[in-house]
Amino acid sequence: MATQLTYRQSALLFLTEWDIWAGSENWHLYYKLRQSYGDNRLLDDAPGHLFLPHEAEDLASFLQLSMLNGWGGYVLTEANYVNAFFSHDEFIDFFAQNSENLNDARKVFGTPPANRC
């Protein structure tokens, strides 16, 4: 998602769900990763992370850790071609203003079950 959806443009990772599966959350690792970027704020105070075009690998790391922690949120891209919502319930929804744009997401990520994508 960090490279396929962004088209090498900026993207916002906006977390909306946490503290749901407390046993799977690694807060220490999350805050160490965040601190490595010079950001000491709490997730409650700053749930969004803006990644510049050259930071796709950084987005991938934050996204992976968020999913491993059982969190949910959005990947909102500057390209606004296709965006994504990932849930703490272990599914990802892709959305776009133009439904034809979802064909590319289907090619990369597979065909969704009924009622998804």
PDB file of N, CA and C in Angstrom:
ATOM      1  N   MET A   1       0.820  -1.200   0.000  1.00  0.00           N
ATOM      2  CA  MET A   1       0.000   0.000   0.000  1.00  0.00           C
ATOM      3  C   MET A   1       0.857   1.255   0.000  1.00  0.00           C
ATOM      4  N   ALA A   2       2.009   1.184   0.660  1.00  0.00           N
ATOM      5  CA  ALA A   2       2.857   2.376   0.792  1.00  0.00           C
ATOM      6  C   ALA A   2       3.426   2.835  -0.544  1.00  0.00           C
ATOM      7  N   THR A   3       3.581   1.925  -1.487  1.00  0.00           N
ATOM      8  CA  THR A   3       4.129   2.329  -2.780  1.00  0.00           C
ATOM      9  C   THR A   3       3.086   2.284  -3.894  1.00  0.00           C
ATOM     10  N   GLN A   4       2.170   1.334  -3.843  1.00  0.00           N
ATOM     11  CA  GLN A   4       1.197   1.174  -4.921  1.00  0.00           C
ATOM     12  C   GLN A   4       0.129   2.263  -4.932  1.00  0.00           C
ATOM     13  N   LEU A   5      -0.262   2.731  -3.763  1.00  0.00           N
ATOM     14  CA  LEU A   5      -1.330   3.734  -3.712  1.00  0.00           C
ATOM     15  C   LEU A   5      -0.830   5.166  -3.821  1.00  0.00           C
ATOM     16  N   THR A   6       0.418   5.400  -3.458  1.00  0.00           N
ATOM     17  CA  THR A   6       0.890   6.777  -3.328  1.00  0.00           C
ATOM     18  C   THR A   6       1.375   7.399  -4.629  1.00  0.00           C
ATOM     19  N   TYR A   7       1.744   6.577  -5.612  1.00  0.00           N
ATOM     20  CA  TYR A   7       2.290   7.093  -6.863  1.00  0.00           C
ATOM     21  C   TYR A   7       3.445   8.059  -6.617  1.00  0.00           C
ATOM     22  N   ARG A   8       4.245   7.708  -5.617  1.00  0.00           N
ATOM     23  CA  ARG A   8       5.432   8.500  -5.232  1.00  0.00           C
ATOM     24  C   ARG A   8       5.085   9.948  -4.924  1.00  0.00           C
ATOM     25  N   GLN A   9       3.907  10.129  -4.306  1.00  0.00           N
ATOM     26  CA  GLN A   9       3.502  11.437  -3.819  1.00  0.00           C
ATOM     27  C   GLN A   9       3.301  11.339  -2.311  1.00  0.00           C
ATOM     28  N   SER A  10       3.059  12.455  -1.674  1.00  0.00           N
ATOM     29  CA  SER A  10       2.846  12.479  -0.232  1.00  0.00           C
ATOM     30  C   SER A  10       1.604  11.674   0.146  1.00  0.00           C
ATOM     31  N   ALA A  11       1.618  11.169   1.379  1.00  0.00           N
ATOM     32  CA  ALA A  11       0.472  10.410   1.886  1.00  0.00           C
ATOM     33  C   ALA A  11       0.335  10.659   3.382  1.00  0.00           C
ATOM     34  N   LEU A  12      -0.889  10.616   3.840  1.00  0.00           N
ATOM     35  CA  LEU A  12      -1.189  10.788   5.255  1.00  0.00           C
ATOM     36  C   LEU A  12      -1.661   9.458   5.821  1.00  0.00           C
ATOM     37  N   LEU A  13      -0.976   8.998   6.857  1.00  0.00           N
ATOM     38  CA  LEU A  13      -1.450   7.863   7.639  1.00  0.00           C
ATOM     39  C   LEU A  13      -2.185   8.460   8.827  1.00  0.00           C
ATOM     40  N   PHE A  14      -3.492   8.253   8.878  1.00  0.00           N
ATOM     41  CA  PHE A  14      -4.320   8.835   9.939  1.00  0.00           C
ATOM     42  C   PHE A  14      -4.936   7.700  10.736  1.00  0.00           C
ATOM     43  N   LEU A  15      -4.466   7.521  11.971  1.00  0.00           N
ATOM     44  CA  LEU A  15      -4.935   6.441  12.822  1.00  0.00           C
ATOM     45  C   LEU A  15      -6.207   6.866  13.552  1.00  0.00           C
ATOM     46  N   THR A  16      -7.200   5.989  13.534  1.00  0.00           N
ATOM     47  CA  THR A  16      -8.484   6.286  14.154  1.00  0.00           C
ATOM     48  C   THR A  16      -8.893   5.249  15.197  1.00  0.00           C
ATOM     49  N   GLU A  17      -8.218   4.102  15.217  1.00  0.00           N
ATOM     50  CA  GLU A  17      -8.570   3.016  16.134  1.00  0.00           C
ATOM     51  C   GLU A  17      -7.312   2.506  16.838  1.00  0.00           C
ATOM     52  N   TRP A  18      -7.332   2.528  18.135  1.00  0.00           N
ATOM     53  CA  TRP A  18      -6.273   1.914  18.942  1.00  0.00           C
ATOM     54  C   TRP A  18      -6.855   1.601  20.311  1.00  0.00           C
ATOM     55  N   ASP A  19      -6.103   0.921  21.126  1.00  0.00           N
ATOM     56  CA  ASP A  19      -6.581   0.487  22.458  1.00  0.00           C
ATOM     57  C   ASP A  19      -7.753  -0.491  22.371  1.00  0.00           C
ATOM     58  N   ILE A  20      -7.850  -1.217  21.279  1.00  0.00           N
ATOM     59  CA  ILE A  20      -8.922  -2.195  21.121  1.00  0.00           C
ATOM     60  C   ILE A  20      -8.418  -3.590  21.505  1.00  0.00           C
ATOM     61  N   TRP A  21      -7.252  -3.949  21.016  1.00  0.00           N
ATOM     62  CA  TRP A  21      -6.623  -5.234  21.326  1.00  0.00           C
ATOM     63  C   TRP A  21      -5.371  -4.948  22.145  1.00  0.00           C
ATOM     64  N   ALA A  22      -5.545  -4.567  23.391  1.00  0.00           N
ATOM     65  CA  ALA A  22      -4.426  -4.126  24.232  1.00  0.00           C
ATOM     66  C   ALA A  22      -3.306  -5.150  24.310  1.00  0.00           C
ATOM     67  N   GLY A  23      -3.628  -6.423  24.272  1.00  0.00           N
ATOM     68  CA  GLY A  23      -2.602  -7.460  24.370  1.00  0.00           C
ATOM     69  C   GLY A  23      -1.681  -7.541  23.171  1.00  0.00           C
ATOM     70  N   SER A  24      -2.085  -6.962  22.049  1.00  0.00           N
ATOM     71  CA  SER A  24      -1.255  -7.039  20.843  1.00  0.00           C
ATOM     72  C   SER A  24      -0.513  -5.735  20.544  1.00  0.00           C
ATOM     73  N   GLU A  25      -0.704  -4.731  21.352  1.00  0.00           N
ATOM     74  CA  GLU A  25      -0.093  -3.425  21.084  1.00  0.00           C
ATOM     75  C   GLU A  25       1.322  -3.344  21.653  1.00  0.00           C
ATOM     76  N   ASN A  26       2.224  -2.846  20.845  1.00  0.00           N
ATOM     77  CA  ASN A  26       3.596  -2.616  21.284  1.00  0.00           C
ATOM     78  C   ASN A  26       3.824  -1.098  21.277  1.00  0.00           C
ATOM     79  N   TRP A  27       3.392  -0.451  22.339  1.00  0.00           N
ATOM     80  CA  TRP A  27       3.502   1.001  22.443  1.00  0.00           C
ATOM     81  C   TRP A  27       4.953   1.443  22.474  1.00  0.00           C
ATOM     82  N   HIS A  28       5.809   0.679  23.134  1.00  0.00           N
ATOM     83  CA  HIS A  28       7.226   1.028  23.223  1.00  0.00           C
ATOM     84  C   HIS A  28       7.829   1.144  21.819  1.00  0.00           C
ATOM     85  N   LEU A  29       7.590   0.147  20.990  1.00  0.00           N
ATOM     86  CA  LEU A  29       8.136   0.166  19.633  1.00  0.00           C
ATOM     87  C   LEU A  29       7.550   1.316  18.828  1.00  0.00           C
ATOM     88  N   TYR A  30       6.238   1.541  18.965  1.00  0.00           N
ATOM     89  CA  TYR A  30       5.606   2.645  18.241  1.00  0.00           C
ATOM     90  C   TYR A  30       6.244   3.985  18.613  1.00  0.00           C
ATOM     91  N   TYR A  31       6.378   4.238  19.914  1.00  0.00           N
ATOM     92  CA  TYR A  31       6.932   5.530  20.329  1.00  0.00           C
ATOM     93  C   TYR A  31       8.410   5.643  20.010  1.00  0.00           C
ATOM     94  N   LYS A  32       9.148   4.560  20.032  1.00  0.00           N
ATOM     95  CA  LYS A  32      10.562   4.611  19.617  1.00  0.00           C
ATOM     96  C   LYS A  32      10.661   4.950  18.134  1.00  0.00           C
ATOM     97  N   LEU A  33       9.801   4.349  17.328  1.00  0.00           N
ATOM     98  CA  LEU A  33       9.797   4.660  15.899  1.00  0.00           C
ATOM     99  C   LEU A  33       9.425   6.123  15.692  1.00  0.00           C
ATOM    100  N   ARG A  34       8.421   6.575  16.378  1.00  0.00           N
ATOM    101  CA  ARG A  34       7.995   7.972  16.242  1.00  0.00           C
ATOM    102  C   ARG A  34       9.100   8.926  16.702  1.00  0.00           C
ATOM    103  N   GLN A  35       9.760   8.584  17.828  1.00  0.00           N
ATOM    104  CA  GLN A  35      10.842   9.431  18.344  1.00  0.00           C
ATOM    105  C   GLN A  35      12.026   9.481  17.384  1.00  0.00           C
ATOM    106  N   SER A  36      12.223   8.427  16.603  1.00  0.00           N
ATOM    107  CA  SER A  36      13.344   8.431  15.656  1.00  0.00           C
ATOM    108  C   SER A  36      13.162   9.497  14.574  1.00  0.00           C
ATOM    109  N   TYR A  37      11.951  10.021  14.455  1.00  0.00           N
ATOM    110  CA  TYR A  37      11.662  11.115  13.533  1.00  0.00           C
ATOM    111  C   TYR A  37      11.581  12.454  14.254  1.00  0.00           C
ATOM    112  N   GLY A  38      11.970  12.454  15.528  1.00  0.00           N
ATOM    113  CA  GLY A  38      11.976  13.685  16.305  1.00  0.00           C
ATOM    114  C   GLY A  38      10.608  14.085  16.818  1.00  0.00           C
ATOM    115  N   ASP A  39       9.672  13.162  16.814  1.00  0.00           N
ATOM    116  CA  ASP A  39       8.307  13.452  17.247  1.00  0.00           C
ATOM    117  C   ASP A  39       8.049  12.755  18.578  1.00  0.00           C
ATOM    118  N   ASN A  40       7.857  13.533  19.638  1.00  0.00           N
ATOM    119  CA  ASN A  40       7.637  12.987  20.968  1.00  0.00           C
ATOM    120  C   ASN A  40       6.180  13.092  21.417  1.00  0.00           C
ATOM    121  N   ARG A  41       5.291  13.432  20.508  1.00  0.00           N
ATOM    122  CA  ARG A  41       3.884  13.593  20.881  1.00  0.00           C
ATOM    123  C   ARG A  41       3.205  12.232  21.072  1.00  0.00           C
ATOM    124  N   LEU A  42       2.151  12.247  21.870  1.00  0.00           N
ATOM    125  CA  LEU A  42       1.350  11.051  22.077  1.00  0.00           C
ATOM    126  C   LEU A  42       0.430  10.821  20.887  1.00  0.00           C
ATOM    127  N   LEU A  43       0.062   9.576  20.667  1.00  0.00           N
ATOM    128  CA  LEU A  43      -0.845   9.251  19.572  1.00  0.00           C
ATOM    129  C   LEU A  43      -2.182   9.977  19.734  1.00  0.00           C
ATOM    130  N   ASP A  44      -2.658  10.092  20.960  1.00  0.00           N
ATOM    131  CA  ASP A  44      -3.910  10.827  21.202  1.00  0.00           C
ATOM    132  C   ASP A  44      -3.822  12.279  20.740  1.00  0.00           C
ATOM    133  N   ASP A  45      -2.648  12.884  20.857  1.00  0.00           N
ATOM    134  CA  ASP A  45      -2.459  14.289  20.496  1.00  0.00           C
ATOM    135  C   ASP A  45      -2.179  14.490  19.011  1.00  0.00           C
ATOM    136  N   ALA A  46      -1.600  13.496  18.374  1.00  0.00           N
ATOM    137  CA  ALA A  46      -1.222  13.623  16.961  1.00  0.00           C
ATOM    138  C   ALA A  46      -1.398  12.276  16.262  1.00  0.00           C
ATOM    139  N   PRO A  47      -2.635  11.937  15.878  1.00  0.00           N
ATOM    140  CA  PRO A  47      -2.878  10.627  15.265  1.00  0.00           C
ATOM    141  C   PRO A  47      -2.509  10.541  13.785  1.00  0.00           C
ATOM    142  N   GLY A  48      -2.089  11.654  13.204  1.00  0.00           N
ATOM    143  CA  GLY A  48      -1.730  11.661  11.793  1.00  0.00           C
ATOM    144  C   GLY A  48      -0.234  11.731  11.587  1.00  0.00           C
ATOM    145  N   HIS A  49       0.212  11.063  10.542  1.00  0.00           N
ATOM    146  CA  HIS A  49       1.624  11.071  10.154  1.00  0.00           C
ATOM    147  C   HIS A  49       1.677  11.410   8.664  1.00  0.00           C
ATOM    148  N   LEU A  50       2.308  12.519   8.307  1.00  0.00           N
ATOM    149  CA  LEU A  50       2.444  12.905   6.907  1.00  0.00           C
ATOM    150  C   LEU A  50       3.781  12.401   6.384  1.00  0.00           C
ATOM    151  N   PHE A  51       3.733  11.668   5.279  1.00  0.00           N
ATOM    152  CA  PHE A  51       4.945  11.125   4.669  1.00  0.00           C
ATOM    153  C   PHE A  51       5.144  11.788   3.310  1.00  0.00           C
ATOM    154  N   LEU A  52       6.345  12.277   3.092  1.00  0.00           N
ATOM    155  CA  LEU A  52       6.693  12.935   1.838  1.00  0.00           C
ATOM    156  C   LEU A  52       6.937  11.882   0.755  1.00  0.00           C
ATOM    157  N   PRO A  53       7.002  12.299  -0.503  1.00  0.00           N
ATOM    158  CA  PRO A  53       7.140  11.325  -1.586  1.00  0.00           C
ATOM    159  C   PRO A  53       8.318  10.351  -1.432  1.00  0.00           C
ATOM    160  N   HIS A  54       9.428  10.807  -0.884  1.00  0.00           N
ATOM    161  CA  HIS A  54      10.602   9.940  -0.747  1.00  0.00           C
ATOM    162  C   HIS A  54      10.563   9.078   0.518  1.00  0.00           C
ATOM    163  N   GLU A  55       9.477   9.128   1.271  1.00  0.00           N
ATOM    164  CA  GLU A  55       9.383   8.400   2.536  1.00  0.00           C
ATOM    165  C   GLU A  55       8.420   7.213   2.482  1.00  0.00           C
ATOM    166  N   ALA A  56       8.316   6.576   1.317  1.00  0.00           N
ATOM    167  CA  ALA A  56       7.402   5.435   1.175  1.00  0.00           C
ATOM    168  C   ALA A  56       7.791   4.290   2.107  1.00  0.00           C
ATOM    169  N   GLU A  57       9.074   4.053   2.291  1.00  0.00           N
ATOM    170  CA  GLU A  57       9.505   2.987   3.205  1.00  0.00           C
ATOM    171  C   GLU A  57       9.144   3.322   4.647  1.00  0.00           C
ATOM    172  N   ASP A  58       9.196   4.583   5.005  1.00  0.00           N
ATOM    173  CA  ASP A  58       8.783   5.017   6.343  1.00  0.00           C
ATOM    174  C   ASP A  58       7.289   4.782   6.534  1.00  0.00           C
ATOM    175  N   LEU A  59       6.503   5.139   5.527  1.00  0.00           N
ATOM    176  CA  LEU A  59       5.068   4.879   5.572  1.00  0.00           C
ATOM    177  C   LEU A  59       4.815   3.386   5.745  1.00  0.00           C
ATOM    178  N   ALA A  60       5.549   2.562   5.005  1.00  0.00           N
ATOM    179  CA  ALA A  60       5.375   1.112   5.112  1.00  0.00           C
ATOM    180  C   ALA A  60       5.660   0.635   6.534  1.00  0.00           C
ATOM    181  N   SER A  61       6.688   1.170   7.175  1.00  0.00           N
ATOM    182  CA  SER A  61       7.036   0.760   8.539  1.00  0.00           C
ATOM    183  C   SER A  61       5.945   1.150   9.531  1.00  0.00           C
ATOM    184  N   PHE A  62       5.477   2.380   9.447  1.00  0.00           N
ATOM    185  CA  PHE A  62       4.415   2.828  10.352  1.00  0.00           C
ATOM    186  C   PHE A  62       3.118   2.058  10.091  1.00  0.00           C
ATOM    187  N   LEU A  63       2.824   1.797   8.839  1.00  0.00           N
ATOM    188  CA  LEU A  63       1.617   1.065   8.487  1.00  0.00           C
ATOM    189  C   LEU A  63       1.691  -0.376   8.998  1.00  0.00           C
ATOM    190  N   GLN A  64       2.834  -1.015   8.804  1.00  0.00           N
ATOM    191  CA  GLN A  64       2.999  -2.384   9.287  1.00  0.00           C
ATOM    192  C   GLN A  64       2.859  -2.457  10.805  1.00  0.00           C
ATOM    193  N   LEU A  65       3.519  -1.557  11.501  1.00  0.00           N
ATOM    194  CA  LEU A  65       3.438  -1.556  12.961  1.00  0.00           C
ATOM    195  C   LEU A  65       2.004  -1.285  13.425  1.00  0.00           C
ATOM    196  N   SER A  66       1.319  -0.385  12.750  1.00  0.00           N
ATOM    197  CA  SER A  66      -0.071  -0.087  13.101  1.00  0.00           C
ATOM    198  C   SER A  66      -0.946  -1.325  12.948  1.00  0.00           C
ATOM    199  N   MET A  67      -0.764  -2.048  11.863  1.00  0.00           N
ATOM    200  CA  MET A  67      -1.560  -3.251  11.639  1.00  0.00           C
ATOM    201  C   MET A  67      -1.192  -4.351  12.634  1.00  0.00           C
ATOM    202  N   LEU A  68       0.093  -4.513  12.917  1.00  0.00           N
ATOM    203  CA  LEU A  68       0.512  -5.510  13.912  1.00  0.00           C
ATOM    204  C   LEU A  68      -0.030  -5.180  15.297  1.00  0.00           C
ATOM    205  N   ASN A  69      -0.181  -3.898  15.581  1.00  0.00           N
ATOM    206  CA  ASN A  69      -0.726  -3.468  16.866  1.00  0.00           C
ATOM    207  C   ASN A  69      -2.247  -3.642  16.945  1.00  0.00           C
ATOM    208  N   GLY A  70      -2.864  -4.018  15.827  1.00  0.00           N
ATOM    209  CA  GLY A  70      -4.315  -4.178  15.821  1.00  0.00           C
ATOM    210  C   GLY A  70      -5.063  -2.864  15.769  1.00  0.00           C
ATOM    211  N   TRP A  71      -4.443  -1.865  15.156  1.00  0.00           N
ATOM    212  CA  TRP A  71      -5.050  -0.550  15.046  1.00  0.00           C
ATOM    213  C   TRP A  71      -5.755  -0.414  13.702  1.00  0.00           C
ATOM    214  N   GLY A  72      -6.467   0.669  13.537  1.00  0.00           N
ATOM    215  CA  GLY A  72      -7.124   0.959  12.276  1.00  0.00           C
ATOM    216  C   GLY A  72      -6.935   2.413  11.906  1.00  0.00           C
ATOM    217  N   GLY A  73      -7.149   2.703  10.635  1.00  0.00           N
ATOM    218  CA  GLY A  73      -7.023   4.077  10.173  1.00  0.00           C
ATOM    219  C   GLY A  73      -7.070   4.165   8.665  1.00  0.00           C
ATOM    220  N   TYR A  74      -6.606   5.273   8.170  1.00  0.00           N
ATOM    221  CA  TYR A  74      -6.675   5.576   6.743  1.00  0.00           C
ATOM    222  C   TYR A  74      -5.292   5.837   6.165  1.00  0.00           C
ATOM    223  N   VAL A  75      -5.131   5.484   4.908  1.00  0.00           N
ATOM    224  CA  VAL A  75      -4.007   5.941   4.094  1.00  0.00           C
ATOM    225  C   VAL A  75      -4.638   6.836   3.040  1.00  0.00           C
ATOM    226  N   LEU A  76      -4.402   8.138   3.179  1.00  0.00           N
ATOM    227  CA  LEU A  76      -4.977   9.135   2.287  1.00  0.00           C
ATOM    228  C   LEU A  76      -3.855   9.715   1.449  1.00  0.00           C
ATOM    229  N   THR A  77      -3.978   9.585   0.150  1.00  0.00           N
ATOM    230  CA  THR A  77      -2.882   9.939  -0.740  1.00  0.00           C
ATOM    231  C   THR A  77      -3.095  11.288  -1.401  1.00  0.00           C
ATOM    232  N   GLU A  78      -1.994  11.957  -1.659  1.00  0.00           N
ATOM    233  CA  GLU A  78      -2.059  13.231  -2.375  1.00  0.00           C
ATOM    234  C   GLU A  78      -2.618  13.015  -3.774  1.00  0.00           C
ATOM    235  N   ALA A  79      -2.288  11.890  -4.385  1.00  0.00           N
ATOM    236  CA  ALA A  79      -2.794  11.580  -5.719  1.00  0.00           C
ATOM    237  C   ALA A  79      -4.317  11.426  -5.709  1.00  0.00           C
ATOM    238  N   ASN A  80      -4.865  10.976  -4.578  1.00  0.00           N
ATOM    239  CA  ASN A  80      -6.305  10.773  -4.412  1.00  0.00           C
ATOM    240  C   ASN A  80      -6.888   9.885  -5.508  1.00  0.00           C
ATOM    241  N   TYR A  81      -6.050   8.994  -6.029  1.00  0.00           N
ATOM    242  CA  TYR A  81      -6.478   8.048  -7.063  1.00  0.00           C
ATOM    243  C   TYR A  81      -7.259   6.909  -6.405  1.00  0.00           C
ATOM    244  N   VAL A  82      -6.624   6.283  -5.408  1.00  0.00           N
ATOM    245  CA  VAL A  82      -7.251   5.277  -4.559  1.00  0.00           C
ATOM    246  C   VAL A  82      -6.728   5.501  -3.146  1.00  0.00           C
ATOM    247  N   ASN A  83      -7.612   5.461  -2.172  1.00  0.00           N
ATOM    248  CA  ASN A  83      -7.238   5.579  -0.766  1.00  0.00           C
ATOM    249  C   ASN A  83      -7.665   4.298  -0.054  1.00  0.00           C
ATOM    250  N   ALA A  84      -7.278   4.151   1.195  1.00  0.00           N
ATOM    251  CA  ALA A  84      -7.567   2.906   1.892  1.00  0.00           C
ATOM    252  C   ALA A  84      -7.942   3.154   3.351  1.00  0.00           C
ATOM    253  N   PHE A  85      -8.785   2.269   3.853  1.00  0.00           N
ATOM    254  CA  PHE A  85      -9.084   2.187   5.275  1.00  0.00           C
ATOM    255  C   PHE A  85      -8.693   0.785   5.722  1.00  0.00           C
ATOM    256  N   PHE A  86      -7.908   0.683   6.781  1.00  0.00           N
ATOM    257  CA  PHE A  86      -7.576  -0.622   7.347  1.00  0.00           C
ATOM    258  C   PHE A  86      -8.167  -0.678   8.748  1.00  0.00           C
ATOM    259  N   SER A  87      -8.756  -1.825   9.065  1.00  0.00           N
ATOM    260  CA  SER A  87      -9.498  -1.963  10.305  1.00  0.00           C
ATOM    261  C   SER A  87      -8.764  -2.826  11.320  1.00  0.00           C
ATOM    262  N   HIS A  88      -9.050  -2.572  12.580  1.00  0.00           N
ATOM    263  CA  HIS A  88      -8.545  -3.442  13.641  1.00  0.00           C
ATOM    264  C   HIS A  88      -9.142  -4.846  13.508  1.00  0.00           C
ATOM    265  N   ASP A  89     -10.197  -4.997  12.740  1.00  0.00           N
ATOM    266  CA  ASP A  89     -10.821  -6.296  12.498  1.00  0.00           C
ATOM    267  C   ASP A  89     -10.192  -7.038  11.317  1.00  0.00           C
ATOM    268  N   GLU A  90      -9.025  -6.582  10.900  1.00  0.00           N
ATOM    269  CA  GLU A  90      -8.186  -7.269   9.911  1.00  0.00           C
ATOM    270  C   GLU A  90      -8.778  -7.296   8.505  1.00  0.00           C
ATOM    271  N   PHE A  91      -9.301  -6.187   8.048  1.00  0.00           N
ATOM    272  CA  PHE A  91      -9.669  -6.050   6.643  1.00  0.00           C
ATOM    273  C   PHE A  91      -9.254  -4.672   6.167  1.00  0.00           C
ATOM    274  N   ILE A  92      -9.150  -4.542   4.854  1.00  0.00           N
ATOM    275  CA  ILE A  92      -8.790  -3.274   4.225  1.00  0.00           C
ATOM    276  C   ILE A  92      -9.849  -2.958   3.187  1.00  0.00           C
ATOM    277  N   ASP A  93     -10.362  -1.744   3.224  1.00  0.00           N
ATOM    278  CA  ASP A  93     -11.290  -1.251   2.205  1.00  0.00           C
ATOM    279  C   ASP A  93     -10.570  -0.198   1.382  1.00  0.00           C
ATOM    280  N   PHE A  94     -10.700  -0.305   0.075  1.00  0.00           N
ATOM    281  CA  PHE A  94     -10.156   0.698  -0.826  1.00  0.00           C
ATOM    282  C   PHE A  94     -11.315   1.528  -1.340  1.00  0.00           C
ATOM    283  N   PHE A  95     -11.083   2.821  -1.499  1.00  0.00           N
ATOM    284  CA  PHE A  95     -12.152   3.676  -2.003  1.00  0.00           C
ATOM    285  C   PHE A  95     -11.570   4.726  -2.937  1.00  0.00           C
ATOM    286  N   ALA A  96     -12.403   5.141  -3.882  1.00  0.00           N
ATOM    287  CA  ALA A  96     -11.989   6.115  -4.891  1.00  0.00           C
ATOM    288  C   ALA A  96     -13.224   6.855  -5.397  1.00  0.00           C
ATOM    289  N   GLN A  97     -13.014   8.076  -5.867  1.00  0.00           N
ATOM    290  CA  GLN A  97     -14.118   8.827  -6.449  1.00  0.00           C
ATOM    291  C   GLN A  97     -14.559   8.187  -7.761  1.00  0.00           C
ATOM    292  N   ASN A  98     -13.612   7.665  -8.511  1.00  0.00           N
ATOM    293  CA  ASN A  98     -13.892   6.997  -9.780  1.00  0.00           C
ATOM    294  C   ASN A  98     -13.744   5.489  -9.549  1.00  0.00           C
ATOM    295  N   SER A  99     -14.826   4.743  -9.647  1.00  0.00           N
ATOM    296  CA  SER A  99     -14.790   3.310  -9.349  1.00  0.00           C
ATOM    297  C   SER A  99     -13.843   2.542 -10.270  1.00  0.00           C
ATOM    298  N   GLU A 100     -13.569   3.068 -11.456  1.00  0.00           N
ATOM    299  CA  GLU A 100     -12.624   2.402 -12.358  1.00  0.00           C
ATOM    300  C   GLU A 100     -11.211   2.372 -11.768  1.00  0.00           C
ATOM    301  N   ASN A 101     -10.896   3.328 -10.919  1.00  0.00           N
ATOM    302  CA  ASN A 101      -9.582   3.350 -10.285  1.00  0.00           C
ATOM    303  C   ASN A 101      -9.371   2.129  -9.391  1.00  0.00           C
ATOM    304  N   LEU A 102     -10.445   1.555  -8.902  1.00  0.00           N
ATOM    305  CA  LEU A 102     -10.332   0.387  -8.023  1.00  0.00           C
ATOM    306  C   LEU A 102      -9.838  -0.851  -8.763  1.00  0.00           C
ATOM    307  N   ASN A 103      -9.936  -0.847 -10.088  1.00  0.00           N
ATOM    308  CA  ASN A 103      -9.432  -1.986 -10.865  1.00  0.00           C
ATOM    309  C   ASN A 103      -7.943  -2.198 -10.632  1.00  0.00           C
ATOM    310  N   ASP A 104      -7.178  -1.120 -10.525  1.00  0.00           N
ATOM    311  CA  ASP A 104      -5.746  -1.250 -10.247  1.00  0.00           C
ATOM    312  C   ASP A 104      -5.515  -1.857  -8.871  1.00  0.00           C
ATOM    313  N   ALA A 105      -6.304  -1.448  -7.888  1.00  0.00           N
ATOM    314  CA  ALA A 105      -6.173  -2.018  -6.541  1.00  0.00           C
ATOM    315  C   ALA A 105      -6.508  -3.503  -6.568  1.00  0.00           C
ATOM    316  N   ARG A 106      -7.510  -3.879  -7.335  1.00  0.00           N
ATOM    317  CA  ARG A 106      -7.874  -5.303  -7.440  1.00  0.00           C
ATOM    318  C   ARG A 106      -6.743  -6.116  -8.058  1.00  0.00           C
ATOM    319  N   LYS A 107      -6.075  -5.545  -9.061  1.00  0.00           N
ATOM    320  CA  LYS A 107      -4.962  -6.251  -9.705  1.00  0.00           C
ATOM    321  C   LYS A 107      -3.818  -6.474  -8.721  1.00  0.00           C
ATOM    322  N   VAL A 108      -3.515  -5.474  -7.936  1.00  0.00           N
ATOM    323  CA  VAL A 108      -2.384  -5.549  -7.009  1.00  0.00           C
ATOM    324  C   VAL A 108      -2.720  -6.358  -5.770  1.00  0.00           C
ATOM    325  N   PHE A 109      -3.895  -6.134  -5.203  1.00  0.00           N
ATOM    326  CA  PHE A 109      -4.234  -6.715  -3.901  1.00  0.00           C
ATOM    327  C   PHE A 109      -5.193  -7.893  -3.985  1.00  0.00           C
ATOM    328  N   GLY A 110      -5.711  -8.191  -5.156  1.00  0.00           N
ATOM    329  CA  GLY A 110      -6.632  -9.319  -5.298  1.00  0.00           C
ATOM    330  C   GLY A 110      -8.073  -8.858  -5.302  1.00  0.00           C
ATOM    331  N   THR A 111      -8.945  -9.761  -5.688  1.00  0.00           N
ATOM    332  CA  THR A 111     -10.371  -9.467  -5.737  1.00  0.00           C
ATOM    333  C   THR A 111     -10.951  -9.595  -4.340  1.00  0.00           C
ATOM    334  N   PRO A 112     -11.712  -8.605  -3.906  1.00  0.00           N
ATOM    335  CA  PRO A 112     -12.269  -8.642  -2.536  1.00  0.00           C
ATOM    336  C   PRO A 112     -13.471  -9.587  -2.459  1.00  0.00           C
ATOM    337  N   PRO A 113     -13.808  -9.999  -1.251  1.00  0.00           N
ATOM    338  CA  PRO A 113     -15.051 -10.743  -1.081  1.00  0.00           C
ATOM    339  C   PRO A 113     -16.245  -9.850  -1.415  1.00  0.00           C
ATOM    340  N   ALA A 114     -17.414 -10.433  -1.553  1.00  0.00           N
ATOM    341  CA  ALA A 114     -18.609  -9.639  -1.842  1.00  0.00           C
ATOM    342  C   ALA A 114     -18.773  -8.534  -0.812  1.00  0.00           C
ATOM    343  N   ASN A 115     -19.268  -7.400  -1.254  1.00  0.00           N
ATOM    344  CA  ASN A 115     -19.536  -6.228  -0.409  1.00  0.00           C
ATOM    345  C   ASN A 115     -18.262  -5.500   0.001  1.00  0.00           C
ATOM    346  N   ARG A 116     -17.131  -5.783  -0.541  1.00  0.00           N
ATOM    347  CA  ARG A 116     -15.894  -5.090  -0.208  1.00  0.00           C
ATOM    348  C   ARG A 116     -15.327  -4.450  -1.459  1.00  0.00           C
ATOM    349  N   CYS A 117     -14.561  -3.385  -1.258  1.00  0.00           N
ATOM    350  CA  CYS A 117     -13.854  -2.628  -2.287  1.00  0.00           C
ATOM    351  C   CYS A 117     -14.857  -1.925  -3.125  1.00  0.00           C
TER     352      CYS A 117
END
